[in-house]
Amino acid sequence: MPYVNVKITKDGVTRDQKLRLVQEITDTLVRVLNKKPEQTHIVIDEVETDNWGFAGMLTTDYRKQHKQ
């Protein structure tokens, strides 16, 4: 039973995009690892940009700084 956890920043990803992501990850596991789709679990966690940091900054601040 594959379990895949995808973490993305919460910033406008649509339901259709999430569905496509789940479909494509599932298809890859079926094709590459011969897993059964009905036993494959994909969880998408959306994280607020104030709760995601890199390069020593919060993503919210990083994006503001690099938008200019």
C-alpha atoms as a PDB file:
ATOM      1  CA  MET A   1       0.000   0.000   0.000  1.00  0.00           C
ATOM      2  CA  PRO A   2       1.897   3.067  -1.190  1.00  0.00           C
ATOM      3  CA  TYR A   3       1.388   6.268   0.751  1.00  0.00           C
ATOM      4  CA  VAL A   4       2.672   9.506  -0.756  1.00  0.00           C
ATOM      5  CA  ASN A   5       2.576  12.797   1.133  1.00  0.00           C
ATOM      6  CA  VAL A   6       2.908  15.915  -1.008  1.00  0.00           C
ATOM      7  CA  LYS A   7       3.501  19.221   0.745  1.00  0.00           C
ATOM      8  CA  ILE A   8       2.905  22.437  -1.161  1.00  0.00           C
ATOM      9  CA  THR A   9       2.469  26.052  -0.189  1.00  0.00           C
ATOM     10  CA  LYS A  10      -1.122  27.195   0.007  1.00  0.00           C
ATOM     11  CA  ASP A  11      -1.321  29.770  -2.721  1.00  0.00           C
ATOM     12  CA  GLY A  12      -4.056  29.201  -5.223  1.00  0.00           C
ATOM     13  CA  VAL A  13      -3.650  25.598  -6.315  1.00  0.00           C
ATOM     14  CA  THR A  14      -6.988  24.556  -7.782  1.00  0.00           C
ATOM     15  CA  ARG A  15      -8.959  21.387  -7.118  1.00  0.00           C
ATOM     16  CA  ASP A  16      -8.400  20.366 -10.743  1.00  0.00           C
ATOM     17  CA  GLN A  17      -4.625  20.753 -10.341  1.00  0.00           C
ATOM     18  CA  LYS A  18      -4.709  18.626  -7.192  1.00  0.00           C
ATOM     19  CA  LEU A  19      -6.769  15.968  -8.967  1.00  0.00           C
ATOM     20  CA  ARG A  20      -4.291  15.884 -11.841  1.00  0.00           C
ATOM     21  CA  LEU A  21      -1.410  15.581  -9.390  1.00  0.00           C
ATOM     22  CA  VAL A  22      -3.090  12.652  -7.611  1.00  0.00           C
ATOM     23  CA  GLN A  23      -3.838  10.960 -10.931  1.00  0.00           C
ATOM     24  CA  GLU A  24      -0.301  11.359 -12.242  1.00  0.00           C
ATOM     25  CA  ILE A  25       1.390  10.199  -9.035  1.00  0.00           C
ATOM     26  CA  THR A  26      -0.919   7.181  -8.953  1.00  0.00           C
ATOM     27  CA  ASP A  27      -0.224   6.423 -12.632  1.00  0.00           C
ATOM     28  CA  THR A  28       3.520   6.592 -11.986  1.00  0.00           C
ATOM     29  CA  LEU A  29       3.309   4.153  -9.067  1.00  0.00           C
ATOM     30  CA  VAL A  30       1.216   1.783 -11.183  1.00  0.00           C
ATOM     31  CA  ARG A  31       3.589   2.013 -14.164  1.00  0.00           C
ATOM     32  CA  VAL A  32       6.924   1.953 -12.353  1.00  0.00           C
ATOM     33  CA  LEU A  33       6.218  -0.179  -9.279  1.00  0.00           C
ATOM     34  CA  ASN A  34       3.230  -2.191 -10.502  1.00  0.00           C
ATOM     35  CA  LYS A  35       1.110  -0.950  -7.576  1.00  0.00           C
ATOM     36  CA  LYS A  36      -2.666  -1.208  -7.505  1.00  0.00           C
ATOM     37  CA  PRO A  37      -4.409   2.173  -7.847  1.00  0.00           C
ATOM     38  CA  GLU A  38      -7.104   1.208  -5.340  1.00  0.00           C
ATOM     39  CA  GLN A  39      -4.399   0.637  -2.722  1.00  0.00           C
ATOM     40  CA  THR A  40      -2.479   3.827  -3.442  1.00  0.00           C
ATOM     41  CA  HIS A  41      -2.973   6.789  -1.108  1.00  0.00           C
ATOM     42  CA  ILE A  42      -1.937  10.358  -1.929  1.00  0.00           C
ATOM     43  CA  VAL A  43      -2.237  13.109   0.677  1.00  0.00           C
ATOM     44  CA  ILE A  44      -1.735  16.754  -0.224  1.00  0.00           C
ATOM     45  CA  ASP A  45      -0.869  19.061   2.656  1.00  0.00           C
ATOM     46  CA  GLU A  46      -1.186  22.756   1.918  1.00  0.00           C
ATOM     47  CA  VAL A  47       1.040  24.841   4.146  1.00  0.00           C
ATOM     48  CA  GLU A  48       0.558  28.575   4.666  1.00  0.00           C
ATOM     49  CA  THR A  49       3.507  30.529   3.299  1.00  0.00           C
ATOM     50  CA  ASP A  50       4.092  31.995   6.785  1.00  0.00           C
ATOM     51  CA  ASN A  51       4.689  28.410   7.968  1.00  0.00           C
ATOM     52  CA  TRP A  52       7.189  27.450   5.255  1.00  0.00           C
ATOM     53  CA  GLY A  53      10.708  28.775   5.292  1.00  0.00           C
ATOM     54  CA  PHE A  54      13.849  28.457   3.230  1.00  0.00           C
ATOM     55  CA  ALA A  55      16.981  30.465   2.588  1.00  0.00           C
ATOM     56  CA  GLY A  56      16.639  31.803   6.124  1.00  0.00           C
ATOM     57  CA  MET A  57      13.298  33.460   5.391  1.00  0.00           C
ATOM     58  CA  LEU A  58       9.599  32.754   5.501  1.00  0.00           C
ATOM     59  CA  THR A  59       8.232  32.031   2.048  1.00  0.00           C
ATOM     60  CA  THR A  60       5.849  35.005   2.308  1.00  0.00           C
ATOM     61  CA  ASP A  61       8.772  37.394   2.830  1.00  0.00           C
ATOM     62  CA  TYR A  62      10.977  35.690   0.256  1.00  0.00           C
ATOM     63  CA  ARG A  63       8.311  36.041  -2.426  1.00  0.00           C
ATOM     64  CA  LYS A  64       7.690  39.709  -1.570  1.00  0.00           C
ATOM     65  CA  GLN A  65      11.401  40.432  -1.770  1.00  0.00           C
ATOM     66  CA  HIS A  66      11.923  38.604  -5.069  1.00  0.00           C
ATOM     67  CA  LYS A  67       8.788  39.934  -6.752  1.00  0.00           C
ATOM     68  CA  GLN A  68      10.339  43.361  -7.230  1.00  0.00           C
END
